């Protein structure tokens, strides 16, 4: 299965998504913002990033852009209730899951993205 990095400043969402992904059989790392996510990406082999958009320190748009600028090519799913600002970044991501979401929404997005890339 895949090693997935979940980035969200809401600890309850992080834990919920992490648990859902573990039930699916994935290995999961949970972090609270994009800056910490970049550190994890530099130190750990990650297959997929799932990120909120609005977070302190470094938001999801900046994380996505910085990852691409630094040559990180991991598939990227935005998980957010907001898609209005910087929607070009959202549209360049591999998938978008809106909040509130269901387990089925998350499974569909993760399975869809991972089916397109070798893990």
PDB file of N, CA and C in Angstrom:
ATOM      1  N   UNK A   1       0.833  -1.185   0.000  1.00  0.00           N
ATOM      2  CA  UNK A   1       0.000   0.000   0.000  1.00  0.00           C
ATOM      3  C   UNK A   1       0.879   1.248   0.000  1.00  0.00           C
ATOM      4  N   UNK A   2       0.248   2.395  -0.034  1.00  0.00           N
ATOM      5  CA  UNK A   2       0.970   3.657  -0.172  1.00  0.00           C
ATOM      6  C   UNK A   2       1.322   4.269   1.183  1.00  0.00           C
ATOM      7  N   UNK A   3       2.345   5.122   1.143  1.00  0.00           N
ATOM      8  CA  UNK A   3       2.721   5.932   2.301  1.00  0.00           C
ATOM      9  C   UNK A   3       2.184   7.336   2.017  1.00  0.00           C
ATOM     10  N   UNK A   4       1.218   7.777   2.829  1.00  0.00           N
ATOM     11  CA  UNK A   4       0.485   9.012   2.562  1.00  0.00           C
ATOM     12  C   UNK A   4       0.750  10.043   3.651  1.00  0.00           C
ATOM     13  N   UNK A   5       0.992  11.269   3.221  1.00  0.00           N
ATOM     14  CA  UNK A   5       1.196  12.396   4.127  1.00  0.00           C
ATOM     15  C   UNK A   5      -0.084  13.230   4.163  1.00  0.00           C
ATOM     16  N   UNK A   6      -0.659  13.390   5.348  1.00  0.00           N
ATOM     17  CA  UNK A   6      -1.875  14.183   5.540  1.00  0.00           C
ATOM     18  C   UNK A   6      -1.486  15.491   6.224  1.00  0.00           C
ATOM     19  N   UNK A   7      -1.882  16.614   5.609  1.00  0.00           N
ATOM     20  CA  UNK A   7      -1.505  17.940   6.092  1.00  0.00           C
ATOM     21  C   UNK A   7      -2.786  18.733   6.385  1.00  0.00           C
ATOM     22  N   UNK A   8      -3.036  19.002   7.668  1.00  0.00           N
ATOM     23  CA  UNK A   8      -4.225  19.762   8.047  1.00  0.00           C
ATOM     24  C   UNK A   8      -3.996  20.342   9.436  1.00  0.00           C
ATOM     25  N   UNK A   9      -4.358  21.603   9.635  1.00  0.00           N
ATOM     26  CA  UNK A   9      -4.152  22.224  10.942  1.00  0.00           C
ATOM     27  C   UNK A   9      -5.199  21.792  11.967  1.00  0.00           C
ATOM     28  N   UNK A  10      -6.286  21.192  11.524  1.00  0.00           N
ATOM     29  CA  UNK A  10      -7.329  20.701  12.425  1.00  0.00           C
ATOM     30  C   UNK A  10      -6.976  19.277  12.854  1.00  0.00           C
ATOM     31  N   UNK A  11      -6.618  19.120  14.118  1.00  0.00           N
ATOM     32  CA  UNK A  11      -6.157  17.819  14.604  1.00  0.00           C
ATOM     33  C   UNK A  11      -7.223  16.738  14.452  1.00  0.00           C
ATOM     34  N   UNK A  12      -8.487  17.097  14.599  1.00  0.00           N
ATOM     35  CA  UNK A  12      -9.551  16.104  14.455  1.00  0.00           C
ATOM     36  C   UNK A  12      -9.663  15.612  13.017  1.00  0.00           C
ATOM     37  N   UNK A  13      -9.548  16.517  12.057  1.00  0.00           N
ATOM     38  CA  UNK A  13      -9.577  16.119  10.641  1.00  0.00           C
ATOM     39  C   UNK A  13      -8.366  15.259  10.323  1.00  0.00           C
ATOM     40  N   UNK A  14      -7.173  15.687  10.799  1.00  0.00           N
ATOM     41  CA  UNK A  14      -5.943  14.899  10.565  1.00  0.00           C
ATOM     42  C   UNK A  14      -6.119  13.476  11.058  1.00  0.00           C
ATOM     43  N   UNK A  15      -6.590  13.350  12.286  1.00  0.00           N
ATOM     44  CA  UNK A  15      -6.747  12.015  12.879  1.00  0.00           C
ATOM     45  C   UNK A  15      -7.801  11.194  12.148  1.00  0.00           C
ATOM     46  N   UNK A  16      -8.914  11.832  11.784  1.00  0.00           N
ATOM     47  CA  UNK A  16      -9.978  11.128  11.070  1.00  0.00           C
ATOM     48  C   UNK A  16      -9.487  10.617   9.722  1.00  0.00           C
ATOM     49  N   UNK A  17      -8.859  11.494   8.954  1.00  0.00           N
ATOM     50  CA  UNK A  17      -8.336  11.092   7.644  1.00  0.00           C
ATOM     51  C   UNK A  17      -7.260  10.016   7.809  1.00  0.00           C
ATOM     52  N   UNK A  18      -6.386  10.218   8.778  1.00  0.00           N
ATOM     53  CA  UNK A  18      -5.345   9.219   9.031  1.00  0.00           C
ATOM     54  C   UNK A  18      -5.926   7.862   9.347  1.00  0.00           C
ATOM     55  N   UNK A  19      -6.943   7.831  10.190  1.00  0.00           N
ATOM     56  CA  UNK A  19      -7.581   6.558  10.552  1.00  0.00           C
ATOM     57  C   UNK A  19      -8.260   5.919   9.345  1.00  0.00           C
ATOM     58  N   UNK A  20      -8.937   6.726   8.546  1.00  0.00           N
ATOM     59  CA  UNK A  20      -9.579   6.202   7.337  1.00  0.00           C
ATOM     60  C   UNK A  20      -8.545   5.563   6.404  1.00  0.00           C
ATOM     61  N   UNK A  21      -7.431   6.245   6.230  1.00  0.00           N
ATOM     62  CA  UNK A  21      -6.380   5.729   5.350  1.00  0.00           C
ATOM     63  C   UNK A  21      -5.737   4.466   5.911  1.00  0.00           C
ATOM     64  N   UNK A  22      -5.560   4.407   7.225  1.00  0.00           N
ATOM     65  CA  UNK A  22      -5.025   3.197   7.847  1.00  0.00           C
ATOM     66  C   UNK A  22      -5.984   2.023   7.659  1.00  0.00           C
ATOM     67  N   UNK A  23      -7.275   2.274   7.774  1.00  0.00           N
ATOM     68  CA  UNK A  23      -8.270   1.223   7.531  1.00  0.00           C
ATOM     69  C   UNK A  23      -8.148   0.700   6.101  1.00  0.00           C
ATOM     70  N   UNK A  24      -7.805   1.599   5.172  1.00  0.00           N
ATOM     71  CA  UNK A  24      -7.607   1.201   3.779  1.00  0.00           C
ATOM     72  C   UNK A  24      -6.289   0.443   3.589  1.00  0.00           C
ATOM     73  N   UNK A  25      -5.453   0.403   4.634  1.00  0.00           N
ATOM     74  CA  UNK A  25      -4.195  -0.330   4.562  1.00  0.00           C
ATOM     75  C   UNK A  25      -2.967   0.507   4.269  1.00  0.00           C
ATOM     76  N   UNK A  26      -3.108   1.815   4.283  1.00  0.00           N
ATOM     77  CA  UNK A  26      -1.990   2.698   3.969  1.00  0.00           C
ATOM     78  C   UNK A  26      -1.193   3.060   5.218  1.00  0.00           C
ATOM     79  N   UNK A  27       0.074   3.379   5.007  1.00  0.00           N
ATOM     80  CA  UNK A  27       0.908   3.956   6.065  1.00  0.00           C
ATOM     81  C   UNK A  27       0.688   5.462   6.015  1.00  0.00           C
ATOM     82  N   UNK A  28       0.590   6.102   7.176  1.00  0.00           N
ATOM     83  CA  UNK A  28       0.190   7.511   7.215  1.00  0.00           C
ATOM     84  C   UNK A  28       1.097   8.319   8.131  1.00  0.00           C
ATOM     85  N   UNK A  29       1.491   9.513   7.664  1.00  0.00           N
ATOM     86  CA  UNK A  29       2.132  10.526   8.496  1.00  0.00           C
ATOM     87  C   UNK A  29       1.177  11.707   8.571  1.00  0.00           C
ATOM     88  N   UNK A  30       1.042  12.296   9.754  1.00  0.00           N
ATOM     89  CA  UNK A  30       0.129  13.416   9.972  1.00  0.00           C
ATOM     90  C   UNK A  30       0.926  14.642  10.409  1.00  0.00           C
ATOM     91  N   UNK A  31       0.716  15.783   9.715  1.00  0.00           N
ATOM     92  CA  UNK A  31       1.393  17.027  10.091  1.00  0.00           C
ATOM     93  C   UNK A  31       0.406  18.181  10.023  1.00  0.00           C
ATOM     94  N   UNK A  32       0.764  19.295  10.708  1.00  0.00           N
ATOM     95  CA  UNK A  32      -0.173  20.393  10.886  1.00  0.00           C
ATOM     96  C   UNK A  32      -0.053  21.555   9.905  1.00  0.00           C
ATOM     97  N   UNK A  33       0.977  21.599   9.067  1.00  0.00           N
ATOM     98  CA  UNK A  33       1.080  22.686   8.091  1.00  0.00           C
ATOM     99  C   UNK A  33       2.070  22.325   6.994  1.00  0.00           C
ATOM    100  N   UNK A  34       2.108  23.161   5.961  1.00  0.00           N
ATOM    101  CA  UNK A  34       2.952  22.893   4.809  1.00  0.00           C
ATOM    102  C   UNK A  34       4.440  22.912   5.093  1.00  0.00           C
ATOM    103  N   UNK A  35       4.874  23.744   6.020  1.00  0.00           N
ATOM    104  CA  UNK A  35       6.302  23.814   6.346  1.00  0.00           C
ATOM    105  C   UNK A  35       6.782  22.488   6.926  1.00  0.00           C
ATOM    106  N   UNK A  36       6.014  21.916   7.825  1.00  0.00           N
ATOM    107  CA  UNK A  36       6.366  20.609   8.405  1.00  0.00           C
ATOM    108  C   UNK A  36       6.277  19.538   7.324  1.00  0.00           C
ATOM    109  N   UNK A  37       5.293  19.654   6.439  1.00  0.00           N
ATOM    110  CA  UNK A  37       5.150  18.689   5.346  1.00  0.00           C
ATOM    111  C   UNK A  37       6.396  18.658   4.468  1.00  0.00           C
ATOM    112  N   UNK A  38       6.957  19.821   4.167  1.00  0.00           N
ATOM    113  CA  UNK A  38       8.175  19.864   3.345  1.00  0.00           C
ATOM    114  C   UNK A  38       9.334  19.157   4.040  1.00  0.00           C
ATOM    115  N   UNK A  39       9.426  19.317   5.351  1.00  0.00           N
ATOM    116  CA  UNK A  39      10.461  18.606   6.099  1.00  0.00           C
ATOM    117  C   UNK A  39      10.276  17.102   5.973  1.00  0.00           C
ATOM    118  N   UNK A  40       9.050  16.635   6.127  1.00  0.00           N
ATOM    119  CA  UNK A  40       8.765  15.197   6.022  1.00  0.00           C
ATOM    120  C   UNK A  40       9.088  14.701   4.609  1.00  0.00           C
ATOM    121  N   UNK A  41       8.695  15.460   3.606  1.00  0.00           N
ATOM    122  CA  UNK A  41       8.971  15.063   2.225  1.00  0.00           C
ATOM    123  C   UNK A  41      10.466  14.962   1.951  1.00  0.00           C
ATOM    124  N   UNK A  42      11.263  15.784   2.610  1.00  0.00           N
ATOM    125  CA  UNK A  42      12.712  15.754   2.429  1.00  0.00           C
ATOM    126  C   UNK A  42      13.358  14.551   3.100  1.00  0.00           C
ATOM    127  N   UNK A  43      12.680  13.991   4.107  1.00  0.00           N
ATOM    128  CA  UNK A  43      13.273  12.922   4.912  1.00  0.00           C
ATOM    129  C   UNK A  43      12.631  11.550   4.714  1.00  0.00           C
ATOM    130  N   UNK A  44      11.458  11.497   4.116  1.00  0.00           N
ATOM    131  CA  UNK A  44      10.675  10.272   4.066  1.00  0.00           C
ATOM    132  C   UNK A  44      10.164  10.038   2.653  1.00  0.00           C
ATOM    133  N   UNK A  45      10.102   8.799   2.243  1.00  0.00           N
ATOM    134  CA  UNK A  45       9.544   8.470   0.933  1.00  0.00           C
ATOM    135  C   UNK A  45       8.016   8.467   1.038  1.00  0.00           C
ATOM    136  N   UNK A  46       7.404   9.465   0.433  1.00  0.00           N
ATOM    137  CA  UNK A  46       5.950   9.647   0.477  1.00  0.00           C
ATOM    138  C   UNK A  46       5.402   9.390  -0.924  1.00  0.00           C
ATOM    139  N   UNK A  47       4.278   8.661  -0.994  1.00  0.00           N
ATOM    140  CA  UNK A  47       3.661   8.328  -2.282  1.00  0.00           C
ATOM    141  C   UNK A  47       2.536   9.282  -2.674  1.00  0.00           C
ATOM    142  N   UNK A  48       1.911   9.940  -1.693  1.00  0.00           N
ATOM    143  CA  UNK A  48       0.762  10.802  -1.944  1.00  0.00           C
ATOM    144  C   UNK A  48       0.654  11.829  -0.827  1.00  0.00           C
ATOM    145  N   UNK A  49       0.294  13.063  -1.199  1.00  0.00           N
ATOM    146  CA  UNK A  49       0.064  14.122  -0.216  1.00  0.00           C
ATOM    147  C   UNK A  49      -1.415  14.520  -0.281  1.00  0.00           C
ATOM    148  N   UNK A  50      -2.051  14.581   0.888  1.00  0.00           N
ATOM    149  CA  UNK A  50      -3.419  15.075   1.008  1.00  0.00           C
ATOM    150  C   UNK A  50      -3.344  16.300   1.912  1.00  0.00           C
ATOM    151  N   UNK A  51      -3.782  17.455   1.403  1.00  0.00           N
ATOM    152  CA  UNK A  51      -3.599  18.696   2.161  1.00  0.00           C
ATOM    153  C   UNK A  51      -4.831  19.584   2.163  1.00  0.00           C
ATOM    154  N   UNK A  52      -5.064  20.180   3.325  1.00  0.00           N
ATOM    155  CA  UNK A  52      -6.028  21.265   3.450  1.00  0.00           C
ATOM    156  C   UNK A  52      -5.464  22.469   2.700  1.00  0.00           C
ATOM    157  N   UNK A  53      -6.292  23.464   2.463  1.00  0.00           N
ATOM    158  CA  UNK A  53      -5.816  24.682   1.808  1.00  0.00           C
ATOM    159  C   UNK A  53      -5.432  25.736   2.845  1.00  0.00           C
ATOM    160  N   UNK A  54      -6.358  26.105   3.717  1.00  0.00           N
ATOM    161  CA  UNK A  54      -6.100  27.190   4.665  1.00  0.00           C
ATOM    162  C   UNK A  54      -5.515  26.663   5.961  1.00  0.00           C
ATOM    163  N   UNK A  55      -4.225  26.981   6.191  1.00  0.00           N
ATOM    164  CA  UNK A  55      -3.503  26.583   7.404  1.00  0.00           C
ATOM    165  C   UNK A  55      -2.530  27.693   7.752  1.00  0.00           C
ATOM    166  N   UNK A  56      -2.176  27.814   9.033  1.00  0.00           N
ATOM    167  CA  UNK A  56      -1.149  28.798   9.411  1.00  0.00           C
ATOM    168  C   UNK A  56       0.238  28.323   8.977  1.00  0.00           C
ATOM    169  N   UNK A  57       1.197  29.184   9.051  1.00  0.00           N
ATOM    170  CA  UNK A  57       2.605  28.951   8.739  1.00  0.00           C
ATOM    171  C   UNK A  57       2.795  28.802   7.229  1.00  0.00           C
ATOM    172  N   UNK A  58       2.267  27.727   6.632  1.00  0.00           N
ATOM    173  CA  UNK A  58       2.304  27.549   5.176  1.00  0.00           C
ATOM    174  C   UNK A  58       1.015  26.862   4.751  1.00  0.00           C
ATOM    175  N   UNK A  59       0.264  27.525   3.870  1.00  0.00           N
ATOM    176  CA  UNK A  59      -1.012  26.963   3.434  1.00  0.00           C
ATOM    177  C   UNK A  59      -0.813  25.903   2.342  1.00  0.00           C
ATOM    178  N   UNK A  60      -1.901  25.281   1.952  1.00  0.00           N
ATOM    179  CA  UNK A  60      -1.846  24.196   0.976  1.00  0.00           C
ATOM    180  C   UNK A  60      -1.420  24.644  -0.408  1.00  0.00           C
ATOM    181  N   UNK A  61      -1.853  25.840  -0.837  1.00  0.00           N
ATOM    182  CA  UNK A  61      -1.433  26.344  -2.144  1.00  0.00           C
ATOM    183  C   UNK A  61       0.076  26.530  -2.191  1.00  0.00           C
ATOM    184  N   UNK A  62       0.613  27.136  -1.139  1.00  0.00           N
ATOM    185  CA  UNK A  62       2.059  27.365  -1.080  1.00  0.00           C
ATOM    186  C   UNK A  62       2.807  26.041  -0.992  1.00  0.00           C
ATOM    187  N   UNK A  63       2.285  25.108  -0.229  1.00  0.00           N
ATOM    188  CA  UNK A  63       2.901  23.772  -0.161  1.00  0.00           C
ATOM    189  C   UNK A  63       2.955  23.152  -1.548  1.00  0.00           C
ATOM    190  N   UNK A  64       1.842  23.142  -2.251  1.00  0.00           N
ATOM    191  CA  UNK A  64       1.789  22.543  -3.583  1.00  0.00           C
ATOM    192  C   UNK A  64       2.806  23.195  -4.521  1.00  0.00           C
ATOM    193  N   UNK A  65       2.805  24.519  -4.570  1.00  0.00           N
ATOM    194  CA  UNK A  65       3.729  25.249  -5.456  1.00  0.00           C
ATOM    195  C   UNK A  65       5.181  25.010  -5.075  1.00  0.00           C
ATOM    196  N   UNK A  66       5.479  25.045  -3.785  1.00  0.00           N
ATOM    197  CA  UNK A  66       6.849  24.833  -3.314  1.00  0.00           C
ATOM    198  C   UNK A  66       7.304  23.416  -3.622  1.00  0.00           C
ATOM    199  N   UNK A  67       6.427  22.444  -3.430  1.00  0.00           N
ATOM    200  CA  UNK A  67       6.780  21.060  -3.777  1.00  0.00           C
ATOM    201  C   UNK A  67       7.191  20.964  -5.236  1.00  0.00           C
ATOM    202  N   UNK A  68       6.383  21.526  -6.112  1.00  0.00           N
ATOM    203  CA  UNK A  68       6.682  21.444  -7.546  1.00  0.00           C
ATOM    204  C   UNK A  68       7.965  22.208  -7.876  1.00  0.00           C
ATOM    205  N   UNK A  69       8.151  23.387  -7.268  1.00  0.00           N
ATOM    206  CA  UNK A  69       9.367  24.177  -7.496  1.00  0.00           C
ATOM    207  C   UNK A  69      10.616  23.422  -7.061  1.00  0.00           C
ATOM    208  N   UNK A  70      10.484  22.620  -6.001  1.00  0.00           N
ATOM    209  CA  UNK A  70      11.631  21.869  -5.478  1.00  0.00           C
ATOM    210  C   UNK A  70      11.777  20.486  -6.110  1.00  0.00           C
ATOM    211  N   UNK A  71      10.941  20.179  -7.066  1.00  0.00           N
ATOM    212  CA  UNK A  71      11.067  18.916  -7.785  1.00  0.00           C
ATOM    213  C   UNK A  71      10.343  17.727  -7.170  1.00  0.00           C
ATOM    214  N   UNK A  72       9.531  17.965  -6.150  1.00  0.00           N
ATOM    215  CA  UNK A  72       8.718  16.878  -5.600  1.00  0.00           C
ATOM    216  C   UNK A  72       7.560  16.621  -6.562  1.00  0.00           C
ATOM    217  N   UNK A  73       7.379  15.381  -6.950  1.00  0.00           N
ATOM    218  CA  UNK A  73       6.383  15.051  -7.967  1.00  0.00           C
ATOM    219  C   UNK A  73       5.251  14.168  -7.429  1.00  0.00           C
ATOM    220  N   UNK A  74       5.183  14.010  -6.114  1.00  0.00           N
ATOM    221  CA  UNK A  74       4.145  13.166  -5.532  1.00  0.00           C
ATOM    222  C   UNK A  74       2.762  13.657  -5.944  1.00  0.00           C
ATOM    223  N   UNK A  75       1.840  12.714  -6.199  1.00  0.00           N
ATOM    224  CA  UNK A  75       0.464  13.112  -6.446  1.00  0.00           C
ATOM    225  C   UNK A  75      -0.062  13.906  -5.256  1.00  0.00           C
ATOM    226  N   UNK A  76      -1.014  14.796  -5.522  1.00  0.00           N
ATOM    227  CA  UNK A  76      -1.474  15.751  -4.518  1.00  0.00           C
ATOM    228  C   UNK A  76      -2.988  15.856  -4.574  1.00  0.00           C
ATOM    229  N   UNK A  77      -3.630  15.680  -3.410  1.00  0.00           N
ATOM    230  CA  UNK A  77      -5.078  15.847  -3.291  1.00  0.00           C
ATOM    231  C   UNK A  77      -5.343  16.993  -2.318  1.00  0.00           C
ATOM    232  N   UNK A  78      -6.124  17.981  -2.763  1.00  0.00           N
ATOM    233  CA  UNK A  78      -6.586  19.010  -1.844  1.00  0.00           C
ATOM    234  C   UNK A  78      -7.829  18.489  -1.144  1.00  0.00           C
ATOM    235  N   UNK A  79      -7.871  18.658   0.176  1.00  0.00           N
ATOM    236  CA  UNK A  79      -9.007  18.269   1.008  1.00  0.00           C
ATOM    237  C   UNK A  79      -9.438  19.528   1.745  1.00  0.00           C
ATOM    238  N   UNK A  80     -10.461  20.204   1.240  1.00  0.00           N
ATOM    239  CA  UNK A  80     -10.792  21.508   1.804  1.00  0.00           C
ATOM    240  C   UNK A  80     -12.230  21.889   1.530  1.00  0.00           C
ATOM    241  N   UNK A  81     -12.723  22.800   2.338  1.00  0.00           N
ATOM    242  CA  UNK A  81     -14.035  23.375   2.103  1.00  0.00           C
ATOM    243  C   UNK A  81     -13.965  24.606   1.219  1.00  0.00           C
ATOM    244  N   UNK A  82     -12.758  24.992   0.805  1.00  0.00           N
ATOM    245  CA  UNK A  82     -12.549  26.221   0.027  1.00  0.00           C
ATOM    246  C   UNK A  82     -11.850  25.903  -1.278  1.00  0.00           C
ATOM    247  N   UNK A  83     -12.404  26.389  -2.373  1.00  0.00           N
ATOM    248  CA  UNK A  83     -11.759  26.202  -3.672  1.00  0.00           C
ATOM    249  C   UNK A  83     -11.733  27.502  -4.456  1.00  0.00           C
ATOM    250  N   UNK A  84     -12.114  28.599  -3.865  1.00  0.00           N
ATOM    251  CA  UNK A  84     -12.275  29.829  -4.626  1.00  0.00           C
ATOM    252  C   UNK A  84     -10.952  30.516  -4.953  1.00  0.00           C
ATOM    253  N   UNK A  85     -10.106  30.741  -3.955  1.00  0.00           N
ATOM    254  CA  UNK A  85      -8.848  31.445  -4.203  1.00  0.00           C
ATOM    255  C   UNK A  85      -7.797  30.484  -4.733  1.00  0.00           C
ATOM    256  N   UNK A  86      -6.964  30.990  -5.639  1.00  0.00           N
ATOM    257  CA  UNK A  86      -5.879  30.197  -6.212  1.00  0.00           C
ATOM    258  C   UNK A  86      -6.390  28.881  -6.791  1.00  0.00           C
ATOM    259  N   UNK A  87      -7.547  28.917  -7.413  1.00  0.00           N
ATOM    260  CA  UNK A  87      -8.106  27.678  -7.931  1.00  0.00           C
ATOM    261  C   UNK A  87      -7.223  27.065  -9.013  1.00  0.00           C
ATOM    262  N   UNK A  88      -6.318  27.849  -9.614  1.00  0.00           N
ATOM    263  CA  UNK A  88      -5.400  27.270 -10.591  1.00  0.00           C
ATOM    264  C   UNK A  88      -4.541  26.189  -9.945  1.00  0.00           C
ATOM    265  N   UNK A  89      -4.126  26.378  -8.698  1.00  0.00           N
ATOM    266  CA  UNK A  89      -3.353  25.342  -7.998  1.00  0.00           C
ATOM    267  C   UNK A  89      -4.231  24.132  -7.744  1.00  0.00           C
ATOM    268  N   UNK A  90      -5.467  24.369  -7.346  1.00  0.00           N
ATOM    269  CA  UNK A  90      -6.387  23.265  -7.101  1.00  0.00           C
ATOM    270  C   UNK A  90      -6.606  22.487  -8.396  1.00  0.00           C
ATOM    271  N   UNK A  91      -6.753  23.195  -9.496  1.00  0.00           N
ATOM    272  CA  UNK A  91      -6.987  22.530 -10.773  1.00  0.00           C
ATOM    273  C   UNK A  91      -5.767  21.765 -11.261  1.00  0.00           C
ATOM    274  N   UNK A  92      -4.574  22.153 -10.835  1.00  0.00           N
ATOM    275  CA  UNK A  92      -3.354  21.437 -11.226  1.00  0.00           C
ATOM    276  C   UNK A  92      -3.103  20.225 -10.336  1.00  0.00           C
ATOM    277  N   UNK A  93      -3.775  20.157  -9.200  1.00  0.00           N
ATOM    278  CA  UNK A  93      -3.629  19.009  -8.310  1.00  0.00           C
ATOM    279  C   UNK A  93      -4.294  17.791  -8.956  1.00  0.00           C
ATOM    280  N   UNK A  94      -4.021  16.625  -8.392  1.00  0.00           N
ATOM    281  CA  UNK A  94      -4.559  15.390  -8.949  1.00  0.00           C
ATOM    282  C   UNK A  94      -6.021  15.170  -8.600  1.00  0.00           C
ATOM    283  N   UNK A  95      -6.473  15.746  -7.487  1.00  0.00           N
ATOM    284  CA  UNK A  95      -7.876  15.597  -7.088  1.00  0.00           C
ATOM    285  C   UNK A  95      -8.217  16.650  -6.046  1.00  0.00           C
ATOM    286  N   UNK A  96      -9.519  16.852  -5.866  1.00  0.00           N
ATOM    287  CA  UNK A  96     -10.034  17.753  -4.845  1.00  0.00           C
ATOM    288  C   UNK A  96     -11.180  17.040  -4.143  1.00  0.00           C
ATOM    289  N   UNK A  97     -11.130  17.011  -2.809  1.00  0.00           N
ATOM    290  CA  UNK A  97     -12.217  16.459  -2.005  1.00  0.00           C
ATOM    291  C   UNK A  97     -12.717  17.589  -1.123  1.00  0.00           C
ATOM    292  N   UNK A  98     -13.992  17.892  -1.241  1.00  0.00           N
ATOM    293  CA  UNK A  98     -14.569  18.982  -0.466  1.00  0.00           C
ATOM    294  C   UNK A  98     -14.961  18.554   0.936  1.00  0.00           C
ATOM    295  N   UNK A  99     -14.802  19.492   1.875  1.00  0.00           N
ATOM    296  CA  UNK A  99     -15.281  19.283   3.237  1.00  0.00           C
ATOM    297  C   UNK A  99     -16.668  19.878   3.336  1.00  0.00           C
ATOM    298  N   UNK A 100     -17.603  19.227   3.969  1.00  0.00           N
ATOM    299  CA  UNK A 100     -17.459  17.935   4.639  1.00  0.00           C
ATOM    300  C   UNK A 100     -17.379  16.807   3.604  1.00  0.00           C
ATOM    301  N   UNK A 101     -16.733  15.727   3.987  1.00  0.00           N
ATOM    302  CA  UNK A 101     -16.528  14.605   3.084  1.00  0.00           C
ATOM    303  C   UNK A 101     -16.946  13.319   3.774  1.00  0.00           C
ATOM    304  N   UNK A 102     -17.129  12.286   2.972  1.00  0.00           N
ATOM    305  CA  UNK A 102     -17.462  10.971   3.511  1.00  0.00           C
ATOM    306  C   UNK A 102     -16.267  10.045   3.299  1.00  0.00           C
ATOM    307  N   UNK A 103     -16.303   8.924   3.969  1.00  0.00           N
ATOM    308  CA  UNK A 103     -15.279   7.900   3.777  1.00  0.00           C
ATOM    309  C   UNK A 103     -15.241   7.488   2.309  1.00  0.00           C
ATOM    310  N   UNK A 104     -16.399   7.367   1.685  1.00  0.00           N
ATOM    311  CA  UNK A 104     -16.479   6.987   0.271  1.00  0.00           C
ATOM    312  C   UNK A 104     -15.807   8.040  -0.620  1.00  0.00           C
ATOM    313  N   UNK A 105     -16.008   9.336  -0.304  1.00  0.00           N
ATOM    314  CA  UNK A 105     -15.357  10.408  -1.076  1.00  0.00           C
ATOM    315  C   UNK A 105     -13.841  10.265  -1.023  1.00  0.00           C
ATOM    316  N   UNK A 106     -13.329  10.028   0.180  1.00  0.00           N
ATOM    317  CA  UNK A 106     -11.888   9.911   0.362  1.00  0.00           C
ATOM    318  C   UNK A 106     -11.344   8.676  -0.357  1.00  0.00           C
ATOM    319  N   UNK A 107     -12.015   7.539  -0.203  1.00  0.00           N
ATOM    320  CA  UNK A 107     -11.585   6.307  -0.873  1.00  0.00           C
ATOM    321  C   UNK A 107     -11.547   6.507  -2.382  1.00  0.00           C
ATOM    322  N   UNK A 108     -12.602   7.102  -2.929  1.00  0.00           N
ATOM    323  CA  UNK A 108     -12.668   7.316  -4.376  1.00  0.00           C
ATOM    324  C   UNK A 108     -11.500   8.168  -4.866  1.00  0.00           C
ATOM    325  N   UNK A 109     -11.213   9.256  -4.165  1.00  0.00           N
ATOM    326  CA  UNK A 109     -10.122  10.138  -4.576  1.00  0.00           C
ATOM    327  C   UNK A 109      -8.766   9.452  -4.450  1.00  0.00           C
ATOM    328  N   UNK A 110      -8.511   8.833  -3.315  1.00  0.00           N
ATOM    329  CA  UNK A 110      -7.217   8.187  -3.084  1.00  0.00           C
ATOM    330  C   UNK A 110      -7.015   7.037  -4.062  1.00  0.00           C
ATOM    331  N   UNK A 111      -8.008   6.160  -4.184  1.00  0.00           N
ATOM    332  CA  UNK A 111      -7.881   5.030  -5.117  1.00  0.00           C
ATOM    333  C   UNK A 111      -7.724   5.510  -6.556  1.00  0.00           C
ATOM    334  N   UNK A 112      -8.471   6.557  -6.919  1.00  0.00           N
ATOM    335  CA  UNK A 112      -8.359   7.094  -8.282  1.00  0.00           C
ATOM    336  C   UNK A 112      -6.988   7.628  -8.580  1.00  0.00           C
ATOM    337  N   UNK A 113      -6.432   8.405  -7.656  1.00  0.00           N
ATOM    338  CA  UNK A 113      -5.095   8.972  -7.865  1.00  0.00           C
ATOM    339  C   UNK A 113      -4.039   7.880  -7.855  1.00  0.00           C
ATOM    340  N   UNK A 114      -4.101   6.981  -6.885  1.00  0.00           N
ATOM    341  CA  UNK A 114      -3.076   5.938  -6.792  1.00  0.00           C
ATOM    342  C   UNK A 114      -3.147   4.950  -7.944  1.00  0.00           C
ATOM    343  N   UNK A 115      -4.316   4.796  -8.561  1.00  0.00           N
ATOM    344  CA  UNK A 115      -4.426   3.879  -9.706  1.00  0.00           C
ATOM    345  C   UNK A 115      -3.702   4.415 -10.934  1.00  0.00           C
ATOM    346  N   UNK A 116      -3.427   5.719 -10.943  1.00  0.00           N
ATOM    347  CA  UNK A 116      -2.750   6.353 -12.082  1.00  0.00           C
ATOM    348  C   UNK A 116      -1.246   6.442 -11.924  1.00  0.00           C
ATOM    349  N   UNK A 117      -0.744   6.128 -10.737  1.00  0.00           N
ATOM    350  CA  UNK A 117       0.699   6.223 -10.497  1.00  0.00           C
ATOM    351  C   UNK A 117       1.206   4.934  -9.866  1.00  0.00           C
ATOM    352  N   UNK A 118       2.417   4.524 -10.213  1.00  0.00           N
ATOM    353  CA  UNK A 118       2.974   3.327  -9.554  1.00  0.00           C
ATOM    354  C   UNK A 118       3.372   3.646  -8.113  1.00  0.00           C
ATOM    355  N   UNK A 119       3.005   2.764  -7.201  1.00  0.00           N
ATOM    356  CA  UNK A 119       3.339   2.969  -5.779  1.00  0.00           C
ATOM    357  C   UNK A 119       4.282   1.865  -5.345  1.00  0.00           C
TER     358      UNK A 119
END
